[in-house]
Structures are given as structure tokens and as C-alpha cells.
Amino acid sequence: MGKLDGSPEYTPHYLRQFFASPPVLAPGTPIHEVSRSLGHKSIKTTVDVYGHLVPASWDRCRTVMQTALRPGSPAS
């Protein structure tokens, strides 16, 4: 089934976006694996396009760094 103008409803680009969005990134799939699956030559492309979909990972990273840099932590 297509759109009223005759164009396809689901294009390869749409399906690619769908694949990399919440169904893949939300469960915590590492973004480098998504990058490889999408065939991006650089993980930078994946992060630039889909990085906003993984805010929880940035929160986890910040928490780890704050803990590691806290005085008296095992890493300091």
C-alpha cells in the first residue's frame, strides 16, 4: 500500500531509520553494533544521526565518571 501520491509508504530509508531507532537502541544495544549493522563506515555517522536516541547511556557514562573522580573512590 502506498501514499495517495503513488509513492511507497515504506522506503528503504524509512525502514533503516525504524531499525536503528527505539527497537534497537532502547534495549541498550551498543551503538557500535548498530553502526556495524547499518553499514556505516564510521561510528560518528551513527552517533550524529541516532545519538539522541540513547540519552540513558550518556547518563550512565556521566554517573560512572562522577563516581570514578570522586575523592576516595577506588579509581582516584
N, C-alpha and C. Protein backbone atom coordinates (compact mmCIF):
# COMPACT_ATOMS: atom_id res chain seq x y z
N MET A 1 0.84 -1.17 0.00
CA MET A 1 0.00 0.00 0.00
C MET A 1 0.88 1.23 0.00
N GLY A 2 0.55 2.21 -0.81
CA GLY A 2 1.34 3.43 -0.91
C GLY A 2 0.59 4.65 -0.43
N LYS A 3 1.23 5.77 -0.60
CA LYS A 3 0.63 7.05 -0.24
C LYS A 3 -0.31 7.48 -1.36
N LEU A 4 -1.08 8.51 -1.11
CA LEU A 4 -2.03 9.00 -2.10
C LEU A 4 -1.35 9.48 -3.37
N ASP A 5 -0.12 9.95 -3.27
CA ASP A 5 0.60 10.44 -4.46
C ASP A 5 1.24 9.30 -5.25
N GLY A 6 1.07 8.06 -4.80
CA GLY A 6 1.60 6.91 -5.50
C GLY A 6 2.97 6.46 -5.03
N SER A 7 3.60 7.23 -4.17
CA SER A 7 4.91 6.83 -3.67
C SER A 7 4.75 5.74 -2.61
N PRO A 8 5.77 4.92 -2.45
CA PRO A 8 5.67 3.84 -1.45
C PRO A 8 5.57 4.40 -0.04
N GLU A 9 4.81 3.72 0.78
CA GLU A 9 4.65 4.16 2.17
C GLU A 9 5.93 3.93 2.97
N TYR A 10 6.59 2.82 2.71
CA TYR A 10 7.81 2.48 3.45
C TYR A 10 8.97 2.40 2.48
N THR A 11 9.88 3.31 2.60
CA THR A 11 11.06 3.33 1.74
C THR A 11 12.21 2.64 2.46
N PRO A 12 13.26 2.28 1.76
CA PRO A 12 14.42 1.70 2.45
C PRO A 12 14.97 2.63 3.54
N HIS A 13 14.98 3.95 3.27
CA HIS A 13 15.46 4.89 4.27
C HIS A 13 14.57 4.86 5.52
N TYR A 14 13.25 4.82 5.32
CA TYR A 14 12.33 4.75 6.46
C TYR A 14 12.58 3.48 7.28
N LEU A 15 12.73 2.36 6.61
CA LEU A 15 12.94 1.10 7.31
C LEU A 15 14.28 1.11 8.06
N ARG A 16 15.28 1.73 7.48
CA ARG A 16 16.58 1.84 8.13
C ARG A 16 16.46 2.66 9.41
N GLN A 17 15.74 3.80 9.32
CA GLN A 17 15.52 4.64 10.49
C GLN A 17 14.76 3.87 11.57
N PHE A 18 13.75 3.12 11.15
CA PHE A 18 12.95 2.34 12.09
C PHE A 18 13.82 1.29 12.79
N PHE A 19 14.66 0.62 12.03
CA PHE A 19 15.51 -0.42 12.60
C PHE A 19 16.44 0.14 13.67
N ALA A 20 17.02 1.29 13.41
CA ALA A 20 18.01 1.84 14.32
C ALA A 20 17.41 2.62 15.47
N SER A 21 16.15 2.92 15.39
CA SER A 21 15.52 3.70 16.44
C SER A 21 15.13 2.83 17.63
N PRO A 22 14.17 3.20 18.42
CA PRO A 22 13.90 2.52 19.70
C PRO A 22 13.92 0.99 19.72
N PRO A 23 13.43 0.30 18.69
CA PRO A 23 13.50 -1.16 18.81
C PRO A 23 14.92 -1.69 19.00
N VAL A 24 15.92 -1.02 18.47
CA VAL A 24 17.29 -1.49 18.60
C VAL A 24 18.04 -0.77 19.71
N LEU A 25 17.95 0.56 19.74
CA LEU A 25 18.74 1.33 20.69
C LEU A 25 18.16 1.36 22.09
N ALA A 26 16.86 1.35 22.23
CA ALA A 26 16.25 1.44 23.56
C ALA A 26 16.65 0.30 24.48
N PRO A 27 16.71 -0.94 23.99
CA PRO A 27 17.09 -2.02 24.90
C PRO A 27 18.55 -1.98 25.34
N GLY A 28 19.31 -1.04 24.82
CA GLY A 28 20.71 -0.92 25.25
C GLY A 28 21.71 -1.55 24.32
N THR A 29 21.32 -1.82 23.10
CA THR A 29 22.28 -2.35 22.14
C THR A 29 23.40 -1.34 21.96
N PRO A 30 24.64 -1.75 22.11
CA PRO A 30 25.74 -0.80 21.93
C PRO A 30 25.69 -0.14 20.56
N ILE A 31 25.89 1.17 20.55
CA ILE A 31 25.74 1.91 19.30
C ILE A 31 26.76 1.47 18.25
N HIS A 32 27.91 0.95 18.67
CA HIS A 32 28.88 0.48 17.67
C HIS A 32 28.34 -0.75 16.93
N GLU A 33 27.52 -1.56 17.61
CA GLU A 33 26.91 -2.72 16.93
C GLU A 33 25.84 -2.26 15.95
N VAL A 34 25.08 -1.24 16.34
CA VAL A 34 24.08 -0.68 15.44
C VAL A 34 24.77 -0.10 14.22
N SER A 35 25.88 0.60 14.45
CA SER A 35 26.65 1.19 13.35
C SER A 35 27.09 0.12 12.36
N ARG A 36 27.60 -0.96 12.89
CA ARG A 36 28.06 -2.07 12.03
C ARG A 36 26.88 -2.67 11.26
N SER A 37 25.74 -2.85 11.95
CA SER A 37 24.56 -3.43 11.31
C SER A 37 24.03 -2.55 10.18
N LEU A 38 24.13 -1.23 10.37
CA LEU A 38 23.65 -0.31 9.35
C LEU A 38 24.64 -0.11 8.22
N GLY A 39 25.86 -0.60 8.41
CA GLY A 39 26.86 -0.48 7.36
C GLY A 39 27.53 0.88 7.30
N HIS A 40 27.46 1.64 8.38
CA HIS A 40 28.13 2.94 8.39
C HIS A 40 29.64 2.73 8.40
N LYS A 41 30.34 3.54 7.64
CA LYS A 41 31.80 3.45 7.58
C LYS A 41 32.42 3.97 8.87
N SER A 42 31.71 4.87 9.54
CA SER A 42 32.23 5.47 10.76
C SER A 42 31.13 5.48 11.82
N ILE A 43 31.49 5.18 13.05
CA ILE A 43 30.53 5.24 14.14
C ILE A 43 30.06 6.67 14.36
N LYS A 44 30.87 7.65 13.92
CA LYS A 44 30.48 9.05 14.04
C LYS A 44 29.17 9.30 13.29
N THR A 45 28.99 8.69 12.14
CA THR A 45 27.75 8.84 11.39
C THR A 45 26.58 8.36 12.22
N THR A 46 26.73 7.20 12.83
CA THR A 46 25.66 6.63 13.65
C THR A 46 25.35 7.52 14.83
N VAL A 47 26.38 7.99 15.51
CA VAL A 47 26.17 8.85 16.68
C VAL A 47 25.53 10.16 16.26
N ASP A 48 25.99 10.74 15.15
CA ASP A 48 25.41 12.01 14.68
C ASP A 48 23.93 11.87 14.34
N VAL A 49 23.54 10.74 13.76
CA VAL A 49 22.15 10.55 13.33
C VAL A 49 21.27 10.00 14.44
N TYR A 50 21.79 9.06 15.23
CA TYR A 50 20.95 8.34 16.19
C TYR A 50 21.32 8.58 17.65
N GLY A 51 22.36 9.34 17.91
CA GLY A 51 22.84 9.54 19.27
C GLY A 51 21.79 10.08 20.22
N HIS A 52 20.88 10.90 19.71
CA HIS A 52 19.83 11.46 20.58
C HIS A 52 18.88 10.39 21.10
N LEU A 53 18.92 9.21 20.51
CA LEU A 53 18.01 8.14 20.94
C LEU A 53 18.55 7.34 22.11
N VAL A 54 19.78 7.62 22.54
CA VAL A 54 20.37 6.86 23.63
C VAL A 54 20.78 7.75 24.80
N PRO A 55 19.89 8.64 25.26
CA PRO A 55 20.28 9.54 26.35
C PRO A 55 20.62 8.80 27.63
N ALA A 56 20.02 7.66 27.88
CA ALA A 56 20.31 6.92 29.11
C ALA A 56 21.78 6.50 29.15
N SER A 57 22.37 6.21 28.02
CA SER A 57 23.78 5.82 28.01
C SER A 57 24.66 6.99 28.42
N TRP A 58 24.30 8.20 28.01
CA TRP A 58 25.07 9.38 28.42
C TRP A 58 24.95 9.58 29.93
N ASP A 59 23.75 9.33 30.47
CA ASP A 59 23.55 9.44 31.92
C ASP A 59 24.40 8.41 32.66
N ARG A 60 24.44 7.18 32.14
CA ARG A 60 25.25 6.13 32.77
C ARG A 60 26.73 6.50 32.72
N CYS A 61 27.17 7.02 31.59
CA CYS A 61 28.57 7.42 31.45
C CYS A 61 28.90 8.53 32.44
N ARG A 62 28.04 9.51 32.55
CA ARG A 62 28.28 10.61 33.48
C ARG A 62 28.36 10.10 34.91
N THR A 63 27.47 9.18 35.28
CA THR A 63 27.47 8.62 36.63
C THR A 63 28.77 7.87 36.90
N VAL A 64 29.23 7.08 35.95
CA VAL A 64 30.48 6.34 36.11
C VAL A 64 31.64 7.30 36.29
N MET A 65 31.69 8.34 35.46
CA MET A 65 32.79 9.30 35.55
C MET A 65 32.76 10.07 36.87
N GLN A 66 31.58 10.47 37.29
CA GLN A 66 31.47 11.20 38.56
C GLN A 66 31.91 10.32 39.73
N THR A 67 31.53 9.08 39.69
CA THR A 67 31.92 8.15 40.75
C THR A 67 33.43 7.93 40.74
N ALA A 68 34.00 7.75 39.56
CA ALA A 68 35.44 7.50 39.45
C ALA A 68 36.26 8.69 39.90
N LEU A 69 35.74 9.89 39.69
CA LEU A 69 36.50 11.09 40.02
C LEU A 69 36.23 11.60 41.44
N ARG A 70 35.33 10.96 42.13
CA ARG A 70 35.00 11.38 43.50
C ARG A 70 36.19 11.05 44.41
N PRO A 71 36.58 11.99 45.27
CA PRO A 71 37.68 11.71 46.20
C PRO A 71 37.40 10.46 47.04
N GLY A 72 38.39 9.63 47.14
CA GLY A 72 38.26 8.42 47.92
C GLY A 72 37.69 7.24 47.15
N SER A 73 37.34 7.44 45.89
CA SER A 73 36.83 6.31 45.10
C SER A 73 38.01 5.42 44.72
N PRO A 74 37.76 4.15 44.43
CA PRO A 74 38.85 3.23 44.09
C PRO A 74 39.68 3.70 42.88
N ALA A 75 39.06 4.47 41.97
CA ALA A 75 39.77 4.90 40.77
C ALA A 75 40.61 6.15 41.00
N SER A 76 40.37 6.86 42.10
CA SER A 76 41.12 8.12 42.29
C SER A 76 42.37 7.93 43.14
